[in-house]
N, C-alpha and C. Protein backbone atom coordinates (compact mmCIF):
# COMPACT_ATOMS: atom_id res chain seq x y z
N MET A 1 0.92 -1.16 -0.12
CA MET A 1 0.03 -0.30 0.45
C MET A 1 0.57 0.79 0.13
N LEU A 2 -0.19 2.85 -0.12
CA LEU A 2 0.54 3.51 -0.64
C LEU A 2 0.85 4.41 1.16
N MET A 3 2.24 4.79 1.25
CA MET A 3 2.92 5.69 2.69
C MET A 3 2.19 7.33 2.02
N VAL A 4 1.35 8.21 3.44
CA VAL A 4 1.33 9.14 3.19
C VAL A 4 1.64 9.82 4.40
N MET A 5 2.32 11.41 3.57
CA MET A 5 3.65 12.18 4.86
C MET A 5 2.42 13.58 4.71
N GLY A 6 1.75 13.78 4.41
CA GLY A 6 0.66 14.82 4.58
C GLY A 6 -0.11 15.59 3.57
N SER A 7 -1.04 16.20 3.07
CA SER A 7 -1.85 17.02 2.43
C SER A 7 -1.49 17.65 1.24
N LEU A 8 -1.88 17.46 0.45
CA LEU A 8 -2.17 18.29 -0.19
C LEU A 8 -2.92 18.83 -0.94
N PRO A 9 -2.41 20.13 -1.50
CA PRO A 9 -3.77 21.12 -2.18
C PRO A 9 -4.78 20.31 -3.21
N ASP A 10 -5.56 20.62 -3.52
CA ASP A 10 -5.90 21.23 -4.98
C ASP A 10 -5.97 21.84 -5.46
N ASN A 11 -6.55 21.74 -7.01
CA ASN A 11 -6.16 23.00 -8.04
C ASN A 11 -6.95 24.04 -7.35
N ASN A 12 -8.00 24.34 -6.33
CA ASN A 12 -8.65 25.30 -5.69
C ASN A 12 -8.02 26.09 -4.50
N GLY A 13 -6.75 24.95 -4.29
CA GLY A 13 -6.15 25.39 -2.61
C GLY A 13 -6.57 25.22 -1.62
N ASP A 14 -7.94 24.20 -1.72
CA ASP A 14 -8.53 23.65 -0.48
C ASP A 14 -7.34 21.97 -0.21
N ILE A 15 -7.67 22.19 0.79
CA ILE A 15 -6.27 21.10 1.28
C ILE A 15 -7.59 19.97 2.02
N PHE A 16 -7.49 18.75 1.34
CA PHE A 16 -8.13 17.08 2.06
C PHE A 16 -7.49 17.14 2.52
N THR A 17 -7.64 16.64 3.70
CA THR A 17 -8.20 15.68 4.99
C THR A 17 -8.01 14.21 4.72
N MET A 18 -7.24 13.52 6.11
CA MET A 18 -8.97 12.51 5.81
C MET A 18 -9.58 12.57 6.01
N SER A 19 -10.42 13.25 6.78
CA SER A 19 -12.28 13.37 6.42
C SER A 19 -13.52 13.49 5.36
N THR A 20 -12.40 14.45 4.06
CA THR A 20 -12.07 14.47 3.02
C THR A 20 -13.13 13.33 2.21
N ILE A 21 -12.54 12.30 2.36
CA ILE A 21 -13.64 10.82 1.32
C ILE A 21 -14.45 10.26 3.20
N ILE A 22 -15.48 10.33 1.75
CA ILE A 22 -16.64 9.41 1.96
C ILE A 22 -17.72 8.39 1.88
N SER A 23 -17.70 7.37 2.21
CA SER A 23 -18.52 6.18 1.15
C SER A 23 -18.89 6.70 0.23
N THR A 24 -19.90 7.70 0.15
CA THR A 24 -20.47 8.05 -1.35
C THR A 24 -18.91 8.76 -2.02
N SER A 25 -18.83 9.41 -1.97
CA SER A 25 -17.35 10.21 -2.40
C SER A 25 -16.98 9.79 -3.84
N LEU A 26 -17.09 10.66 -5.15
CA LEU A 26 -17.18 9.78 -6.58
C LEU A 26 -15.55 10.75 -7.13
N VAL A 27 -14.49 9.48 -6.74
CA VAL A 27 -13.18 9.40 -7.11
C VAL A 27 -12.76 8.87 -8.60
N THR A 28 -11.56 9.87 -9.23
CA THR A 28 -11.67 9.38 -10.31
C THR A 28 -9.47 9.66 -10.09
N ARG A 29 -8.65 8.65 -11.30
CA ARG A 29 -7.25 8.71 -11.35
C ARG A 29 -6.96 10.23 -11.53
N ASN A 30 -5.80 10.77 -11.48
CA ASN A 30 -5.85 11.85 -12.02
C ASN A 30 -5.23 11.79 -13.24
N PRO A 31 -5.40 12.87 -14.40
CA PRO A 31 -4.62 12.01 -15.47
C PRO A 31 -3.47 12.62 -16.58
N ASP A 32 -3.28 12.93 -15.09
CA ASP A 32 -1.46 13.71 -16.38
C ASP A 32 -0.71 12.29 -15.11
N LEU A 33 -1.26 10.85 -14.74
CA LEU A 33 -0.35 10.38 -14.58
C LEU A 33 -0.38 9.63 -15.50
N VAL A 34 1.00 8.51 -15.85
CA VAL A 34 1.65 7.91 -16.79
C VAL A 34 1.29 6.76 -16.33
N ALA A 35 0.94 5.47 -16.54
CA ALA A 35 0.79 4.66 -15.88
C ALA A 35 0.58 3.61 -16.26
N ALA A 36 1.56 1.83 -16.53
CA ALA A 36 1.57 1.06 -16.43
C ALA A 36 0.87 -1.03 -16.04
N ASN A 37 0.29 -1.86 -16.45
CA ASN A 37 0.14 -2.17 -15.90
C ASN A 37 0.92 -3.38 -15.75
N ILE A 38 2.22 -4.10 -14.88
CA ILE A 38 3.45 -4.88 -15.65
C ILE A 38 2.94 -6.13 -14.29
N ASP A 39 2.03 -7.60 -14.80
CA ASP A 39 2.04 -8.38 -14.24
C ASP A 39 1.06 -8.95 -13.11
N GLY A 40 0.34 -7.93 -13.13
CA GLY A 40 -0.85 -7.67 -12.99
C GLY A 40 -0.98 -6.67 -11.52
N ASP A 41 0.43 -5.60 -11.39
CA ASP A 41 0.76 -4.02 -10.63
C ASP A 41 0.58 -3.67 -11.44
N VAL A 42 0.29 -2.69 -10.41
CA VAL A 42 -0.14 -0.84 -11.74
C VAL A 42 1.42 -0.18 -11.21
N VAL A 43 2.18 0.40 -12.15
CA VAL A 43 3.45 1.37 -11.71
C VAL A 43 3.51 2.53 -12.49
N MET A 44 3.21 3.80 -12.34
CA MET A 44 3.25 4.83 -12.67
C MET A 44 4.08 5.76 -12.14
N MET A 45 4.36 6.81 -12.96
CA MET A 45 4.90 8.05 -12.63
C MET A 45 3.77 9.49 -12.80
N SER A 46 4.27 10.63 -12.21
CA SER A 46 3.83 11.35 -11.78
C SER A 46 5.08 12.71 -12.93
N ILE A 47 4.91 13.29 -13.90
CA ILE A 47 5.46 14.01 -14.06
C ILE A 47 6.06 15.49 -13.58
N GLU A 48 4.39 15.50 -13.10
CA GLU A 48 5.03 17.20 -12.62
C GLU A 48 5.49 17.18 -11.28
N GLN A 49 5.19 15.65 -10.74
CA GLN A 49 5.98 16.16 -9.33
C GLN A 49 6.72 15.03 -8.89
N GLY A 50 7.51 14.30 -10.40
CA GLY A 50 8.68 12.90 -10.29
C GLY A 50 8.46 12.54 -9.77
N GLU A 51 7.56 12.08 -9.26
CA GLU A 51 7.46 10.77 -8.47
C GLU A 51 7.10 9.55 -9.18
N TYR A 52 7.95 7.96 -8.98
CA TYR A 52 6.96 7.05 -8.98
C TYR A 52 6.47 5.93 -7.87
N TYR A 53 5.06 5.62 -9.06
CA TYR A 53 4.88 4.31 -7.50
C TYR A 53 3.64 3.84 -8.01
N GLY A 54 4.02 2.52 -6.87
CA GLY A 54 3.76 1.82 -7.49
C GLY A 54 2.25 0.80 -6.87
N ILE A 55 1.57 0.23 -7.16
CA ILE A 55 0.19 -0.19 -6.78
C ILE A 55 -0.03 -1.98 -6.75
N THR A 56 0.24 -2.59 -5.33
CA THR A 56 -0.43 -3.94 -5.82
C THR A 56 -0.76 -5.17 -5.27
N GLY A 57 -1.64 -6.85 -6.10
CA GLY A 57 -2.99 -6.83 -5.47
C GLY A 57 -4.31 -5.62 -5.81
N VAL A 58 -5.02 -6.65 -4.16
CA VAL A 58 -6.02 -5.42 -4.62
C VAL A 58 -6.48 -3.64 -5.20
N GLY A 59 -4.81 -3.41 -5.01
CA GLY A 59 -4.99 -2.05 -4.85
C GLY A 59 -4.94 -1.79 -6.18
N SER A 60 -4.61 -2.31 -7.08
CA SER A 60 -3.67 -3.38 -8.85
C SER A 60 -5.65 -2.94 -9.60
N ARG A 61 -6.99 -3.78 -8.76
CA ARG A 61 -8.22 -4.21 -9.51
C ARG A 61 -8.77 -2.55 -8.76
N ALA A 62 -8.79 -2.02 -7.98
CA ALA A 62 -9.56 -1.00 -7.79
C ALA A 62 -9.07 0.57 -8.02
N TRP A 63 -7.69 0.45 -8.89
CA TRP A 63 -6.85 1.49 -9.69
C TRP A 63 -7.56 1.45 -10.57
N GLU A 64 -7.90 0.39 -11.28
CA GLU A 64 -8.72 -0.33 -12.40
C GLU A 64 -10.28 0.35 -12.71
N LEU A 65 -10.63 0.12 -12.16
CA LEU A 65 -12.16 0.88 -11.40
C LEU A 65 -11.91 2.27 -11.38
N LEU A 66 -10.95 2.85 -10.95
CA LEU A 66 -10.65 4.47 -10.58
C LEU A 66 -10.59 5.02 -11.77
N ALA A 67 -10.60 4.30 -13.16
CA ALA A 67 -10.77 5.00 -14.60
C ALA A 67 -11.96 5.82 -14.69
N SER A 68 -12.63 5.56 -14.04
CA SER A 68 -14.27 6.57 -14.20
C SER A 68 -14.52 7.07 -13.31
N PRO A 69 -15.27 7.68 -13.16
CA PRO A 69 -15.51 8.42 -11.63
C PRO A 69 -16.25 7.20 -10.94
N ILE A 70 -15.46 7.12 -9.28
CA ILE A 70 -16.40 6.00 -9.27
C ILE A 70 -16.53 5.52 -7.36
N ALA A 71 -17.96 5.96 -6.88
CA ALA A 71 -18.27 6.09 -5.63
C ALA A 71 -17.03 4.58 -4.93
N VAL A 72 -16.28 5.59 -3.85
CA VAL A 72 -14.95 4.67 -2.61
C VAL A 72 -16.73 3.39 -1.87
N VAL A 73 -17.65 2.92 -1.77
CA VAL A 73 -18.84 2.20 -2.09
C VAL A 73 -19.02 1.37 -2.40
N ASP A 74 -18.77 1.71 -4.02
CA ASP A 74 -19.10 0.83 -5.19
C ASP A 74 -17.69 0.07 -5.63
N ILE A 75 -16.33 0.66 -5.32
CA ILE A 75 -15.24 0.09 -5.46
C ILE A 75 -14.89 -0.94 -4.38
N ALA A 76 -16.05 -0.54 -3.12
CA ALA A 76 -16.33 -1.62 -2.56
C ALA A 76 -16.77 -2.76 -2.54
N ARG A 77 -17.61 -2.80 -3.39
CA ARG A 77 -19.27 -3.58 -3.74
C ARG A 77 -18.32 -4.73 -5.20
N VAL A 78 -17.67 -4.02 -5.84
CA VAL A 78 -16.71 -4.37 -6.77
C VAL A 78 -15.63 -6.04 -6.12
N ILE A 79 -14.84 -5.36 -4.88
CA ILE A 79 -13.87 -6.09 -4.91
C ILE A 79 -14.42 -6.62 -3.39
N CYS A 80 -15.26 -6.87 -2.62
CA CYS A 80 -16.27 -7.24 -1.86
C CYS A 80 -16.59 -8.83 -3.10
N ALA A 81 -16.98 -8.67 -3.73
CA ALA A 81 -18.13 -9.83 -5.06
C ALA A 81 -16.69 -10.11 -6.33
N GLU A 82 -15.08 -9.75 -5.19
CA GLU A 82 -14.81 -10.65 -6.76
C GLU A 82 -13.27 -11.01 -5.46
N TYR A 83 -13.13 -10.12 -4.16
CA TYR A 83 -11.79 -11.07 -3.35
C TYR A 83 -13.25 -11.49 -2.20
N ASP A 84 -12.23 -12.62 -1.24
CA ASP A 84 -12.71 -13.26 0.02
C ASP A 84 -12.52 -11.93 1.10
N THR A 85 -13.28 -11.57 1.53
CA THR A 85 -13.33 -9.97 2.24
C THR A 85 -14.51 -9.87 2.84
N ASP A 86 -14.80 -9.48 4.38
CA ASP A 86 -15.98 -9.00 4.11
C ASP A 86 -16.69 -7.23 3.77
N GLU A 87 -17.90 -6.72 3.90
CA GLU A 87 -18.02 -6.12 3.44
C GLU A 87 -18.10 -4.49 4.20
N ASP A 88 -17.61 -4.97 5.85
CA ASP A 88 -16.85 -3.23 6.95
C ASP A 88 -15.18 -3.76 5.94
N THR A 89 -15.08 -4.45 6.65
CA THR A 89 -13.65 -4.71 7.01
C THR A 89 -12.81 -3.81 5.11
N CYS A 90 -13.33 -4.23 3.70
CA CYS A 90 -13.22 -4.00 2.48
C CYS A 90 -13.55 -2.63 2.41
N LEU A 91 -14.12 -2.08 2.66
CA LEU A 91 -15.07 -0.55 2.63
C LEU A 91 -13.78 0.49 3.19
N ALA A 92 -14.07 -0.28 4.80
CA ALA A 92 -12.36 0.78 5.77
C ALA A 92 -11.65 0.82 4.96
N ASP A 93 -10.84 -0.42 4.65
CA ASP A 93 -9.93 -0.88 3.92
C ASP A 93 -9.67 -0.13 2.04
N MET A 94 -10.72 0.48 1.76
CA MET A 94 -10.74 0.67 0.26
C MET A 94 -10.84 2.17 0.82
N GLN A 95 -11.47 3.10 1.68
CA GLN A 95 -11.98 4.07 1.80
C GLN A 95 -10.19 4.71 1.96
N SER A 96 -9.92 4.33 2.98
CA SER A 96 -8.10 3.94 3.73
C SER A 96 -7.51 4.88 2.55
N PHE A 97 -7.21 3.72 0.94
CA PHE A 97 -6.41 3.36 0.51
C PHE A 97 -6.77 4.44 -0.94
N VAL A 98 -7.90 5.37 -0.73
CA VAL A 98 -8.52 6.27 -1.77
C VAL A 98 -7.60 7.70 -1.02
N GLU A 99 -7.56 7.58 0.12
CA GLU A 99 -7.52 8.44 1.57
C GLU A 99 -5.60 8.70 1.11
N GLU A 100 -5.21 7.64 0.66
CA GLU A 100 -3.70 7.64 0.34
C GLU A 100 -3.60 8.19 -1.30
N LEU A 101 -4.13 7.92 -1.84
CA LEU A 101 -4.56 8.02 -3.27
C LEU A 101 -5.01 9.94 -3.25
N LEU A 102 -5.37 10.33 -2.61
CA LEU A 102 -6.16 11.85 -2.55
C LEU A 102 -4.93 12.10 -2.33
N GLN A 103 -4.32 12.08 -0.96
CA GLN A 103 -3.02 12.68 -0.90
C GLN A 103 -1.71 12.47 -1.63
N LEU A 104 -1.57 12.07 -1.74
CA LEU A 104 -0.69 11.45 -2.88
C LEU A 104 -0.94 12.56 -4.24
N GLY A 105 -2.15 12.75 -4.54
CA GLY A 105 -2.27 13.65 -5.62
C GLY A 105 -2.91 12.93 -7.14
N LEU A 106 -2.77 11.32 -6.54
CA LEU A 106 -3.02 10.57 -7.28
C LEU A 106 -4.68 10.00 -7.98
N VAL A 107 -5.32 10.67 -7.50
CA VAL A 107 -6.87 10.72 -7.82
C VAL A 107 -7.69 12.30 -7.14
N SER A 108 -8.34 12.81 -7.45
CA SER A 108 -9.18 13.69 -7.23
C SER A 108 -10.80 13.64 -6.57
N VAL A 109 -11.03 14.17 -5.64
CA VAL A 109 -12.74 14.48 -5.06
C VAL A 109 -13.29 14.61 -7.02
N VAL A 110 -14.66 13.94 -7.63
CA VAL A 110 -15.59 14.64 -8.54
C VAL A 110 -16.68 15.44 -7.26
N LYS A 111 -16.30 17.14 -8.47
CA LYS A 111 -17.11 17.69 -7.46
C LYS A 111 -18.83 16.81 -8.38
N GLN A 112 -19.30 17.22 -7.28
CA GLN A 112 -21.18 16.74 -7.81
C GLN A 112 -22.21 17.31 -7.57
């Protein structure tokens, strides 16, 4: 999984914190990332930040789902259907995962 080392401002200068993401938040990938799937793992680079990132395991599947705007709860539903996990644990894990991605600027919240 990814490590979060603080919060990053969004394009409007607002700071997203861990409480920003709720289960119904719509999120999508940052379109400025260069990403590739290598043997089931996702490797990506932020040209803007000059950073490389890697996502493995279930996170790779969640990343696929983030190709278009999707609610965190819907990511969890798909993961629960495809993997052997309970709904509460899966939702908490996916919410935490998406929060980390948000903090790193790899995804953004879609304004509804």
